Amino acid sequence: MVTKKSATKTAVTGTDPLKVSLTTGAKKCKPFELEVMVFAPSSGFKIEVKIERSCTPQADSIWKIVFDLYKKKATGDGFTQLVHVSYTGGTAVEQQGLQTTAIDGINEDQADVVVTRVGPAVLSLKDANTMTPAQLEQKKNAIRSGSSEVANLAL
């Protein structure tokens, strides 16, 4: 039996394991970007992989996986961004997978898909200005497909 004295002591010391948060207020969504992986798909290039959360006007989360392709500067002092690719999970399952990736990071299966399938497709976009519309669409489809798989492999 808990006495009034011990209950007061617990509340004062902060050792009470029960935490109560009110959830009846307005819905909140805070956008952020989290880098989850960096790798070199080819000499002189790097790809940064990020999970990004943006918000709708109704404060609903929108989860994305982002691939930024960089090329090493000829001077050797840093990189120049060539391509920015953003994939929004199209289904509730993909959205959950991207959110899980933000929490847990990239797992081994996801990393394998990023490095062997998505990375080469993103790297090939360095020459996007010389591609035909059909070739560009083929690369985009490969990135969409691989990104979808990365999202699903988180679950």
C-alpha atoms as a PDB file:
ATOM      1  CA  MET A   1       0.000   0.000   0.000  1.00  0.00           C
ATOM      2  CA  VAL A   2       1.335   3.432  -0.951  1.00  0.00           C
ATOM      3  CA  THR A   3       1.105   6.016   1.755  1.00  0.00           C
ATOM      4  CA  LYS A   4       0.559   9.681   1.119  1.00  0.00           C
ATOM      5  CA  LYS A   5       4.046  10.422   2.402  1.00  0.00           C
ATOM      6  CA  SER A   6       5.754   7.978   0.005  1.00  0.00           C
ATOM      7  CA  ALA A   7       3.654   9.203  -2.938  1.00  0.00           C
ATOM      8  CA  THR A   8       4.712  12.768  -2.200  1.00  0.00           C
ATOM      9  CA  LYS A   9       8.342  11.720  -1.950  1.00  0.00           C
ATOM     10  CA  THR A  10       8.148   9.912  -5.286  1.00  0.00           C
ATOM     11  CA  ALA A  11       6.640  12.933  -7.014  1.00  0.00           C
ATOM     12  CA  VAL A  12       9.236  15.246  -5.547  1.00  0.00           C
ATOM     13  CA  THR A  13      12.259  13.077  -6.435  1.00  0.00           C
ATOM     14  CA  GLY A  14      11.028  12.370  -9.932  1.00  0.00           C
ATOM     15  CA  THR A  15      11.392   8.616  -9.683  1.00  0.00           C
ATOM     16  CA  ASP A  16       7.806   7.949 -10.661  1.00  0.00           C
ATOM     17  CA  PRO A  17       7.993   5.632 -13.707  1.00  0.00           C
ATOM     18  CA  LEU A  18       4.651   6.874 -15.027  1.00  0.00           C
ATOM     19  CA  LYS A  19       4.779   9.790 -17.461  1.00  0.00           C
ATOM     20  CA  VAL A  20       1.619  11.402 -18.774  1.00  0.00           C
ATOM     21  CA  SER A  21       1.553  13.457 -21.990  1.00  0.00           C
ATOM     22  CA  LEU A  22      -1.584  15.182 -23.142  1.00  0.00           C
ATOM     23  CA  THR A  23      -2.418  14.425 -26.768  1.00  0.00           C
ATOM     24  CA  THR A  24      -5.557  16.475 -27.209  1.00  0.00           C
ATOM     25  CA  GLY A  25      -3.717  19.538 -28.516  1.00  0.00           C
ATOM     26  CA  ALA A  26      -2.943  20.424 -32.081  1.00  0.00           C
ATOM     27  CA  LYS A  27      -1.049  17.869 -34.144  1.00  0.00           C
ATOM     28  CA  LYS A  28       2.642  18.734 -34.583  1.00  0.00           C
ATOM     29  CA  CYS A  29       5.148  17.798 -37.248  1.00  0.00           C
ATOM     30  CA  LYS A  30       8.745  18.937 -37.245  1.00  0.00           C
ATOM     31  CA  PRO A  31      10.652  18.585 -40.528  1.00  0.00           C
ATOM     32  CA  PHE A  32      14.191  17.233 -40.411  1.00  0.00           C
ATOM     33  CA  GLU A  33      16.888  15.602 -42.508  1.00  0.00           C
ATOM     34  CA  LEU A  34      19.070  12.746 -41.260  1.00  0.00           C
ATOM     35  CA  GLU A  35      22.124  11.455 -43.082  1.00  0.00           C
ATOM     36  CA  VAL A  36      22.094   7.662 -42.841  1.00  0.00           C
ATOM     37  CA  MET A  37      24.855   6.624 -45.241  1.00  0.00           C
ATOM     38  CA  VAL A  38      27.702   7.962 -47.376  1.00  0.00           C
ATOM     39  CA  PHE A  39      29.494   5.820 -49.951  1.00  0.00           C
ATOM     40  CA  ALA A  40      31.712   6.124 -53.011  1.00  0.00           C
ATOM     41  CA  PRO A  41      30.047   4.500 -56.033  1.00  0.00           C
ATOM     42  CA  SER A  42      33.097   5.264 -58.183  1.00  0.00           C
ATOM     43  CA  SER A  43      36.440   6.991 -57.853  1.00  0.00           C
ATOM     44  CA  GLY A  44      35.983  10.749 -57.523  1.00  0.00           C
ATOM     45  CA  PHE A  45      32.293  10.533 -56.591  1.00  0.00           C
ATOM     46  CA  LYS A  46      30.271  10.152 -53.410  1.00  0.00           C
ATOM     47  CA  ILE A  47      26.613   9.648 -52.670  1.00  0.00           C
ATOM     48  CA  GLU A  48      25.002  10.862 -49.472  1.00  0.00           C
ATOM     49  CA  VAL A  49      21.840   9.018 -48.476  1.00  0.00           C
ATOM     50  CA  LYS A  50      19.416  10.876 -46.242  1.00  0.00           C
ATOM     51  CA  ILE A  51      16.024  10.236 -44.715  1.00  0.00           C
ATOM     52  CA  GLU A  52      13.944  13.375 -44.710  1.00  0.00           C
ATOM     53  CA  ARG A  53      10.685  14.230 -43.015  1.00  0.00           C
ATOM     54  CA  SER A  54       8.637  17.123 -44.328  1.00  0.00           C
ATOM     55  CA  CYS A  55       5.166  18.111 -43.211  1.00  0.00           C
ATOM     56  CA  THR A  56       1.832  18.813 -44.840  1.00  0.00           C
ATOM     57  CA  PRO A  57      -0.193  21.906 -43.861  1.00  0.00           C
ATOM     58  CA  GLN A  58      -2.265  19.499 -41.719  1.00  0.00           C
ATOM     59  CA  ALA A  59       0.915  18.462 -39.811  1.00  0.00           C
ATOM     60  CA  ASP A  60       1.065  14.969 -41.330  1.00  0.00           C
ATOM     61  CA  SER A  61       4.539  13.543 -41.924  1.00  0.00           C
ATOM     62  CA  ILE A  62       5.872  12.885 -45.414  1.00  0.00           C
ATOM     63  CA  TRP A  63       8.914  10.580 -45.396  1.00  0.00           C
ATOM     64  CA  LYS A  64      11.489  10.596 -48.213  1.00  0.00           C
ATOM     65  CA  ILE A  65      14.750   8.902 -49.047  1.00  0.00           C
ATOM     66  CA  VAL A  66      17.177  11.311 -50.699  1.00  0.00           C
ATOM     67  CA  PHE A  67      20.286  10.596 -52.773  1.00  0.00           C
ATOM     68  CA  ASP A  68      22.732  13.429 -53.425  1.00  0.00           C
ATOM     69  CA  LEU A  69      25.501  12.733 -55.947  1.00  0.00           C
ATOM     70  CA  TYR A  70      28.739  14.709 -55.652  1.00  0.00           C
ATOM     71  CA  LYS A  71      31.845  14.843 -57.823  1.00  0.00           C
ATOM     72  CA  LYS A  72      35.275  15.633 -56.399  1.00  0.00           C
ATOM     73  CA  LYS A  73      36.470  19.065 -57.508  1.00  0.00           C
ATOM     74  CA  ALA A  74      39.449  19.111 -59.872  1.00  0.00           C
ATOM     75  CA  THR A  75      41.285  21.201 -57.267  1.00  0.00           C
ATOM     76  CA  GLY A  76      40.829  18.349 -54.776  1.00  0.00           C
ATOM     77  CA  ASP A  77      39.317  20.594 -52.112  1.00  0.00           C
ATOM     78  CA  GLY A  78      35.786  19.312 -51.697  1.00  0.00           C
ATOM     79  CA  PHE A  79      32.887  18.178 -53.832  1.00  0.00           C
ATOM     80  CA  THR A  80      30.375  19.720 -56.210  1.00  0.00           C
ATOM     81  CA  GLN A  81      26.782  18.499 -56.103  1.00  0.00           C
ATOM     82  CA  LEU A  82      25.652  17.077 -59.453  1.00  0.00           C
ATOM     83  CA  VAL A  83      22.293  15.428 -58.747  1.00  0.00           C
ATOM     84  CA  HIS A  84      19.629  15.498 -56.039  1.00  0.00           C
ATOM     85  CA  VAL A  85      17.144  12.600 -56.133  1.00  0.00           C
ATOM     86  CA  SER A  86      14.210  12.471 -53.714  1.00  0.00           C
ATOM     87  CA  TYR A  87      11.838   9.503 -53.424  1.00  0.00           C
ATOM     88  CA  THR A  88       8.627   9.848 -51.407  1.00  0.00           C
ATOM     89  CA  GLY A  89       7.284   6.555 -50.129  1.00  0.00           C
ATOM     90  CA  GLY A  90       4.090   6.062 -52.088  1.00  0.00           C
ATOM     91  CA  THR A  91       2.333   3.672 -49.739  1.00  0.00           C
ATOM     92  CA  ALA A  92       1.719   3.632 -45.997  1.00  0.00           C
ATOM     93  CA  VAL A  93       4.093   0.663 -45.733  1.00  0.00           C
ATOM     94  CA  GLU A  94       6.879   2.547 -47.547  1.00  0.00           C
ATOM     95  CA  GLN A  95       6.276   5.600 -45.363  1.00  0.00           C
ATOM     96  CA  GLN A  96       6.591   3.389 -42.274  1.00  0.00           C
ATOM     97  CA  GLY A  97       9.745   1.796 -43.672  1.00  0.00           C
ATOM     98  CA  LEU A  98      11.378   5.175 -44.263  1.00  0.00           C
ATOM     99  CA  GLN A  99      10.389   6.312 -40.773  1.00  0.00           C
ATOM    100  CA  THR A 100      11.858   3.102 -39.339  1.00  0.00           C
ATOM    101  CA  THR A 101      15.076   3.767 -41.265  1.00  0.00           C
ATOM    102  CA  ALA A 102      15.273   7.218 -39.677  1.00  0.00           C
ATOM    103  CA  ILE A 103      15.042   5.557 -36.266  1.00  0.00           C
ATOM    104  CA  ASP A 104      17.174   2.429 -36.825  1.00  0.00           C
ATOM    105  CA  GLY A 105      19.503   3.486 -39.647  1.00  0.00           C
ATOM    106  CA  ILE A 106      20.239   1.505 -42.801  1.00  0.00           C
ATOM    107  CA  ASN A 107      20.235  -2.255 -42.259  1.00  0.00           C
ATOM    108  CA  GLU A 108      22.433  -4.695 -44.188  1.00  0.00           C
ATOM    109  CA  ASP A 109      19.779  -5.630 -46.761  1.00  0.00           C
ATOM    110  CA  GLN A 110      18.948  -1.981 -47.432  1.00  0.00           C
ATOM    111  CA  ALA A 111      22.640  -1.093 -47.793  1.00  0.00           C
ATOM    112  CA  ASP A 112      23.066  -3.891 -50.327  1.00  0.00           C
ATOM    113  CA  VAL A 113      20.251  -2.489 -52.504  1.00  0.00           C
ATOM    114  CA  VAL A 114      21.570   1.081 -52.156  1.00  0.00           C
ATOM    115  CA  VAL A 115      25.112   0.105 -53.148  1.00  0.00           C
ATOM    116  CA  THR A 116      24.357  -2.432 -55.898  1.00  0.00           C
ATOM    117  CA  ARG A 117      21.203  -1.028 -57.528  1.00  0.00           C
ATOM    118  CA  VAL A 118      20.254   2.507 -56.549  1.00  0.00           C
ATOM    119  CA  GLY A 119      23.784   3.896 -56.300  1.00  0.00           C
ATOM    120  CA  PRO A 120      24.788   2.911 -59.846  1.00  0.00           C
ATOM    121  CA  ALA A 121      21.512   4.325 -61.193  1.00  0.00           C
ATOM    122  CA  VAL A 122      22.083   7.624 -59.355  1.00  0.00           C
ATOM    123  CA  LEU A 123      25.716   7.706 -60.538  1.00  0.00           C
ATOM    124  CA  SER A 124      24.582   7.258 -64.146  1.00  0.00           C
ATOM    125  CA  LEU A 125      22.588  10.504 -63.820  1.00  0.00           C
ATOM    126  CA  LYS A 126      25.877  12.430 -63.914  1.00  0.00           C
ATOM    127  CA  ASP A 127      25.383  12.224 -67.691  1.00  0.00           C
ATOM    128  CA  ALA A 128      21.642  13.019 -67.622  1.00  0.00           C
ATOM    129  CA  ASN A 129      22.065  15.986 -69.958  1.00  0.00           C
ATOM    130  CA  THR A 130      23.211  13.613 -72.730  1.00  0.00           C
ATOM    131  CA  MET A 131      20.468  10.994 -72.218  1.00  0.00           C
ATOM    132  CA  THR A 132      17.397  10.610 -74.347  1.00  0.00           C
ATOM    133  CA  PRO A 133      14.075  11.038 -72.521  1.00  0.00           C
ATOM    134  CA  ALA A 134      13.584   7.260 -72.665  1.00  0.00           C
ATOM    135  CA  GLN A 135      17.022   6.588 -71.139  1.00  0.00           C
ATOM    136  CA  LEU A 136      16.397   9.131 -68.385  1.00  0.00           C
ATOM    137  CA  GLU A 137      13.022   7.583 -67.605  1.00  0.00           C
ATOM    138  CA  GLN A 138      14.637   4.134 -67.429  1.00  0.00           C
ATOM    139  CA  LYS A 139      17.154   5.415 -64.832  1.00  0.00           C
ATOM    140  CA  LYS A 140      14.376   7.109 -62.856  1.00  0.00           C
ATOM    141  CA  ASN A 141      12.381   3.867 -62.832  1.00  0.00           C
ATOM    142  CA  ALA A 142      15.418   1.964 -61.542  1.00  0.00           C
ATOM    143  CA  ILE A 143      15.816   4.503 -58.735  1.00  0.00           C
ATOM    144  CA  ARG A 144      12.086   4.391 -57.901  1.00  0.00           C
ATOM    145  CA  SER A 145      12.093   0.603 -57.805  1.00  0.00           C
ATOM    146  CA  GLY A 146      15.245   0.406 -55.701  1.00  0.00           C
ATOM    147  CA  SER A 147      14.059   3.130 -53.324  1.00  0.00           C
ATOM    148  CA  SER A 148      10.771   1.328 -52.829  1.00  0.00           C
ATOM    149  CA  GLU A 149      12.660  -1.853 -52.013  1.00  0.00           C
ATOM    150  CA  VAL A 150      14.915   0.017 -49.555  1.00  0.00           C
ATOM    151  CA  ALA A 151      11.824   1.339 -47.761  1.00  0.00           C
ATOM    152  CA  ASN A 152      10.189  -2.094 -47.614  1.00  0.00           C
ATOM    153  CA  LEU A 153      13.358  -3.821 -46.393  1.00  0.00           C
ATOM    154  CA  ALA A 154      13.272  -1.716 -43.214  1.00  0.00           C
ATOM    155  CA  LEU A 155      10.250  -3.643 -41.939  1.00  0.00           C
END
